Amino acid sequence: MIFDIYVDSISVEEIGGARVTVVRKEQGGNSVTTILLRGSTDSILDDLVRGVDDGVNTYKDSRIVPGSAATIIELARKLKEFSFSKTGLDQYAIDMSKLV
């Protein structure tokens, strides 16, 4: 089967310690693409397909649940901002509460 495919560049890059083939089409606004996955076993291919599917679905549904202590980091940042609005012992108490 022959396909007419137009791309701007094809390169081999290292991502996360793995060599991957990257195909880029920078011109034009196509909303459809094909991803070619290769693997040595069916189970590896299944994992790759699941990973791509998860990534596409995450992109489509932009609601994100923060993880990896993102909530705690944001609360600490807001607490620091709030402490700048106070003076004296109040500011000191707010700054020290972050250490607990």
Protein backbone atom coordinates (compact mmCIF):
# COMPACT_ATOMS: atom_id res chain seq x y z
CA MET A 1 0.00 0.00 0.00
CA ILE A 2 1.40 3.43 -0.92
CA PHE A 3 0.60 6.57 1.01
CA ASP A 4 1.28 10.15 0.00
CA ILE A 5 2.97 11.61 3.06
CA TYR A 6 4.48 15.06 3.24
CA VAL A 7 6.63 15.96 6.22
CA ASP A 8 9.02 18.79 6.99
CA SER A 9 11.66 16.74 8.78
CA ILE A 10 12.53 13.27 10.01
CA SER A 11 15.19 12.85 12.68
CA VAL A 12 16.45 10.38 15.24
CA GLU A 13 16.57 11.94 18.71
CA GLU A 14 17.28 10.72 22.20
CA ILE A 15 14.38 11.17 24.61
CA GLY A 16 14.65 9.80 28.13
CA GLY A 17 17.67 7.68 27.21
CA ALA A 18 15.89 6.03 24.28
CA ARG A 19 16.49 6.69 20.60
CA VAL A 20 13.26 7.60 18.84
CA THR A 21 12.36 8.59 15.30
CA VAL A 22 10.64 11.96 15.22
CA VAL A 23 8.56 12.97 12.19
CA ARG A 24 7.52 16.62 12.08
CA LYS A 25 5.03 18.44 9.90
CA GLU A 26 5.21 22.09 10.85
CA GLN A 27 3.35 23.62 7.90
CA GLY A 28 -0.39 23.26 7.48
CA GLY A 29 -2.99 22.64 10.12
CA ASN A 30 -3.87 18.99 9.75
CA SER A 31 -5.87 17.67 12.68
CA VAL A 32 -5.33 14.02 11.75
CA THR A 33 -2.08 12.14 12.18
CA THR A 34 -0.79 8.60 12.15
CA ILE A 35 1.59 7.29 14.79
CA LEU A 36 3.70 4.27 13.92
CA LEU A 37 4.72 2.21 16.94
CA ARG A 38 7.33 -0.53 16.88
CA GLY A 39 8.13 -3.07 19.55
CA SER A 40 9.77 -6.45 19.92
CA THR A 41 6.74 -8.11 21.56
CA ASP A 42 2.97 -7.76 21.54
CA SER A 43 2.94 -6.80 25.22
CA ILE A 44 5.36 -3.93 24.59
CA LEU A 45 3.19 -2.72 21.72
CA ASP A 46 0.09 -2.95 23.91
CA ASP A 47 1.82 -0.79 26.53
CA LEU A 48 2.82 1.74 23.87
CA VAL A 49 -0.70 1.89 22.46
CA ARG A 50 -2.11 2.40 25.96
CA GLY A 51 0.42 5.18 26.62
CA VAL A 52 -0.40 7.00 23.39
CA ASP A 53 -4.13 6.60 24.02
CA ASP A 54 -3.74 8.00 27.55
CA GLY A 55 -1.74 10.95 26.21
CA VAL A 56 -4.27 11.75 23.49
CA ASN A 57 -7.17 11.53 25.95
CA THR A 58 -5.33 13.77 28.42
CA TYR A 59 -4.83 16.32 25.65
CA LYS A 60 -8.51 16.16 24.64
CA ASP A 61 -9.76 16.53 28.23
CA SER A 62 -7.70 19.36 29.69
CA ARG A 63 -8.92 18.86 33.26
CA ILE A 64 -5.88 17.92 35.30
CA VAL A 65 -5.62 16.67 38.85
CA PRO A 66 -2.47 18.05 40.48
CA GLY A 67 -0.09 15.49 41.86
CA SER A 68 3.41 15.16 43.29
CA ALA A 69 2.76 17.66 46.10
CA ALA A 70 1.59 20.37 43.67
CA THR A 71 -1.19 21.36 46.08
CA ILE A 72 1.20 21.70 49.01
CA ILE A 73 3.64 23.75 46.93
CA GLU A 74 0.87 26.12 45.81
CA LEU A 75 -0.42 26.50 49.38
CA ALA A 76 3.12 27.34 50.58
CA ARG A 77 3.45 29.93 47.81
CA LYS A 78 0.11 31.56 48.74
CA LEU A 79 1.06 31.50 52.43
CA LYS A 80 4.34 33.25 51.64
CA GLU A 81 2.47 35.93 49.64
CA PHE A 82 0.03 36.39 52.53
CA SER A 83 2.89 36.76 55.03
CA PHE A 84 4.20 39.79 53.11
CA SER A 85 0.95 41.62 53.90
CA LYS A 86 1.61 41.27 57.65
CA THR A 87 4.27 42.86 59.84
CA GLY A 88 6.11 42.02 63.01
CA LEU A 89 5.36 38.86 64.95
CA ASP A 90 2.35 38.02 62.76
CA GLN A 91 4.57 37.75 59.69
CA TYR A 92 7.10 35.70 61.62
CA ALA A 93 4.37 33.30 62.85
CA ILE A 94 3.02 32.82 59.32
CA ASP A 95 6.51 32.16 57.94
CA MET A 96 7.24 29.64 60.70
CA SER A 97 3.94 27.80 60.14
CA LYS A 98 5.35 26.54 56.82
CA LEU A 99 7.98 24.59 58.71
CA VAL A 100 5.40 22.51 60.58
